[in-house]
Amino acid sequence: MTAADGFTADERAAMKERAAELRAEAKREKGAAKAAAELQDVLDAIAAMRDDDRAIGERVHATVLEAAPQLAPRTWYGMPAYALDGKVVCFFKAAGKFDGRYCELGFNDPAQLDDGSMWPTVFALTAVGPAEEAAIADLVRRAVD
């Protein structure tokens, strides 16, 4: 990070990815062709991850789509994300994205996970087995209910 701009190189790259996503979105046609292109963007983002992150990302992707088929896959800051009515409900961030210690499954404001006056919105993932798949599916279903 430089003192001049306040952003790391990885953060600047993520912002450029988001700008490119917005440009591509504006050019895409509506309907099935757009949905197919956005799904392919997500699959490409997962394929570009390092091996350990990719394995987790693939399981998260499959689990999210199975639990909530109404969510539309798309990228968001270069990460796989899942939207409802155009708003990102949840996203997957690979550990390698910002040289993190673990992958993350995060939920944005449209997610209906409210529980009192405090609740988690980001979950760390180091592996995804049957127990984690069940927990992810439960969170995603609750997020869109």
Protein backbone atom coordinates (compact mmCIF):
# COMPACT_ATOMS: atom_id res chain seq x y z
CA MET A 1 0.00 0.00 0.00
CA THR A 2 1.21 3.49 -0.73
CA ALA A 3 0.47 6.47 1.44
CA ALA A 4 -0.57 8.42 -1.65
CA ASP A 5 -3.64 6.38 -2.54
CA GLY A 6 -4.42 4.29 0.54
CA PHE A 7 -5.13 1.13 -1.48
CA THR A 8 -2.99 -1.98 -1.93
CA ALA A 9 -2.24 -3.31 -5.39
CA ASP A 10 -4.72 -6.14 -4.75
CA GLU A 11 -7.43 -3.67 -3.75
CA ARG A 12 -6.81 -1.56 -6.86
CA ALA A 13 -7.00 -4.73 -8.99
CA ALA A 14 -10.33 -5.68 -7.38
CA MET A 15 -11.73 -2.22 -8.15
CA LYS A 16 -10.59 -2.55 -11.77
CA GLU A 17 -12.27 -5.97 -11.92
CA ARG A 18 -15.51 -4.45 -10.66
CA ALA A 19 -15.33 -1.65 -13.22
CA ALA A 20 -14.80 -4.23 -15.99
CA GLU A 21 -17.78 -6.24 -14.66
CA LEU A 22 -19.99 -3.16 -14.81
CA ARG A 23 -18.87 -2.38 -18.38
CA ALA A 24 -19.53 -5.98 -19.47
CA GLU A 25 -22.92 -5.98 -17.73
CA ALA A 26 -23.97 -2.83 -19.57
CA LYS A 27 -23.08 -4.41 -22.92
CA ARG A 28 -24.78 -7.75 -22.32
CA GLU A 29 -28.21 -8.52 -23.61
CA LYS A 30 -30.93 -9.41 -21.16
CA GLY A 31 -32.33 -12.87 -20.47
CA ALA A 32 -30.80 -16.29 -20.92
CA ALA A 33 -27.73 -15.09 -22.85
CA LYS A 34 -26.83 -12.67 -20.05
CA ALA A 35 -27.37 -15.33 -17.38
CA ALA A 36 -25.21 -17.81 -19.29
CA ALA A 37 -22.43 -15.24 -19.72
CA GLU A 38 -22.52 -14.32 -16.04
CA LEU A 39 -22.43 -17.99 -15.01
CA GLN A 40 -19.42 -18.49 -17.27
CA ASP A 41 -17.72 -15.50 -15.60
CA VAL A 42 -18.20 -17.21 -12.22
CA LEU A 43 -16.89 -20.53 -13.52
CA ASP A 44 -13.87 -18.74 -15.02
CA ALA A 45 -13.21 -16.93 -11.71
CA ILE A 46 -13.29 -20.24 -9.83
CA ALA A 47 -11.06 -21.92 -12.43
CA ALA A 48 -8.47 -19.14 -12.02
CA MET A 49 -8.12 -19.74 -8.26
CA ARG A 50 -5.21 -21.61 -6.75
CA ASP A 51 -5.94 -25.33 -6.24
CA ASP A 52 -6.96 -25.29 -2.57
CA ASP A 53 -9.20 -22.24 -3.00
CA ARG A 54 -10.69 -23.68 -6.20
CA ALA A 55 -11.76 -26.88 -4.44
CA ILE A 56 -13.59 -24.87 -1.78
CA GLY A 57 -15.02 -22.45 -4.34
CA GLU A 58 -16.42 -25.27 -6.45
CA ARG A 59 -18.20 -26.80 -3.45
CA VAL A 60 -19.57 -23.44 -2.31
CA HIS A 61 -20.79 -22.68 -5.85
CA ALA A 62 -22.59 -26.02 -6.17
CA THR A 63 -24.07 -25.78 -2.68
CA VAL A 64 -25.36 -22.23 -3.15
CA LEU A 65 -27.02 -23.02 -6.48
CA GLU A 66 -28.58 -26.21 -5.12
CA ALA A 67 -29.88 -24.51 -1.97
CA ALA A 68 -31.23 -21.41 -3.73
CA PRO A 69 -31.65 -21.89 -7.48
CA GLN A 70 -33.36 -18.50 -7.66
CA LEU A 71 -29.98 -16.83 -7.05
CA ALA A 72 -28.22 -15.62 -10.18
CA PRO A 73 -24.47 -16.31 -10.29
CA ARG A 74 -22.29 -13.39 -11.32
CA THR A 75 -18.91 -11.96 -10.40
CA TRP A 76 -18.50 -9.14 -7.93
CA TYR A 77 -15.06 -7.55 -7.56
CA GLY A 78 -13.77 -10.60 -9.44
CA MET A 79 -15.27 -13.03 -6.91
CA PRO A 80 -18.11 -15.50 -7.39
CA ALA A 81 -21.32 -13.93 -6.12
CA TYR A 82 -25.01 -14.79 -6.13
CA ALA A 83 -27.70 -12.16 -6.64
CA LEU A 84 -31.44 -11.88 -6.20
CA ASP A 85 -33.26 -9.19 -8.17
CA GLY A 86 -29.89 -7.76 -9.21
CA LYS A 87 -28.55 -7.38 -5.65
CA VAL A 88 -25.69 -9.54 -4.39
CA VAL A 89 -26.93 -11.66 -1.50
CA CYS A 90 -23.80 -13.71 -0.90
CA PHE A 91 -20.28 -14.07 -2.25
CA PHE A 92 -17.21 -16.29 -2.03
CA LYS A 93 -13.79 -14.79 -1.55
CA ALA A 94 -10.78 -17.01 -2.14
CA ALA A 95 -7.97 -16.81 0.39
CA GLY A 96 -5.60 -15.98 -2.45
CA LYS A 97 -7.62 -12.90 -3.42
CA PHE A 98 -5.92 -10.72 -0.83
CA ASP A 99 -3.35 -13.24 0.49
CA GLY A 100 -5.70 -14.17 3.34
CA ARG A 101 -5.40 -17.05 5.74
CA TYR A 102 -8.76 -18.57 4.77
CA CYS A 103 -11.55 -18.35 2.21
CA GLU A 104 -14.70 -16.48 3.12
CA LEU A 105 -18.41 -16.87 2.51
CA GLY A 106 -20.01 -13.48 2.99
CA PHE A 107 -23.53 -12.10 3.02
CA ASN A 108 -24.61 -8.59 2.06
CA ASP A 109 -27.54 -6.46 3.24
CA PRO A 110 -30.20 -8.21 1.11
CA ALA A 111 -29.55 -11.47 3.02
CA GLN A 112 -32.27 -12.14 5.55
CA LEU A 113 -29.96 -13.41 8.30
CA ASP A 114 -30.91 -10.81 10.91
CA ASP A 115 -30.90 -12.23 14.43
CA GLY A 116 -31.50 -9.60 17.09
CA SER A 117 -29.15 -6.65 17.08
CA MET A 118 -25.98 -8.60 16.14
CA TRP A 119 -25.26 -11.48 13.74
CA PRO A 120 -22.37 -12.76 11.62
CA THR A 121 -22.19 -11.83 7.94
CA VAL A 122 -18.86 -13.44 6.95
CA PHE A 123 -17.76 -17.00 7.62
CA ALA A 124 -14.22 -18.38 7.35
CA LEU A 125 -13.76 -21.57 5.32
CA THR A 126 -10.69 -23.80 5.35
CA ALA A 127 -12.44 -26.87 3.87
CA VAL A 128 -15.92 -27.87 2.74
CA GLY A 129 -17.21 -31.30 3.69
CA PRO A 130 -20.75 -32.55 4.30
CA ALA A 131 -21.18 -30.60 7.56
CA GLU A 132 -20.03 -27.34 5.98
CA GLU A 133 -22.20 -27.94 2.91
CA ALA A 134 -25.24 -28.38 5.17
CA ALA A 135 -24.40 -25.19 7.10
CA ILE A 136 -23.86 -23.22 3.88
CA ALA A 137 -27.12 -24.51 2.41
CA ASP A 138 -28.98 -23.53 5.58
CA LEU A 139 -27.49 -20.02 5.60
CA VAL A 140 -28.24 -19.48 1.91
CA ARG A 141 -31.82 -20.70 2.24
CA ARG A 142 -32.38 -18.41 5.23
CA ALA A 143 -30.74 -15.52 3.36
CA VAL A 144 -33.31 -15.66 0.57
CA ASP A 145 -36.42 -16.50 2.61
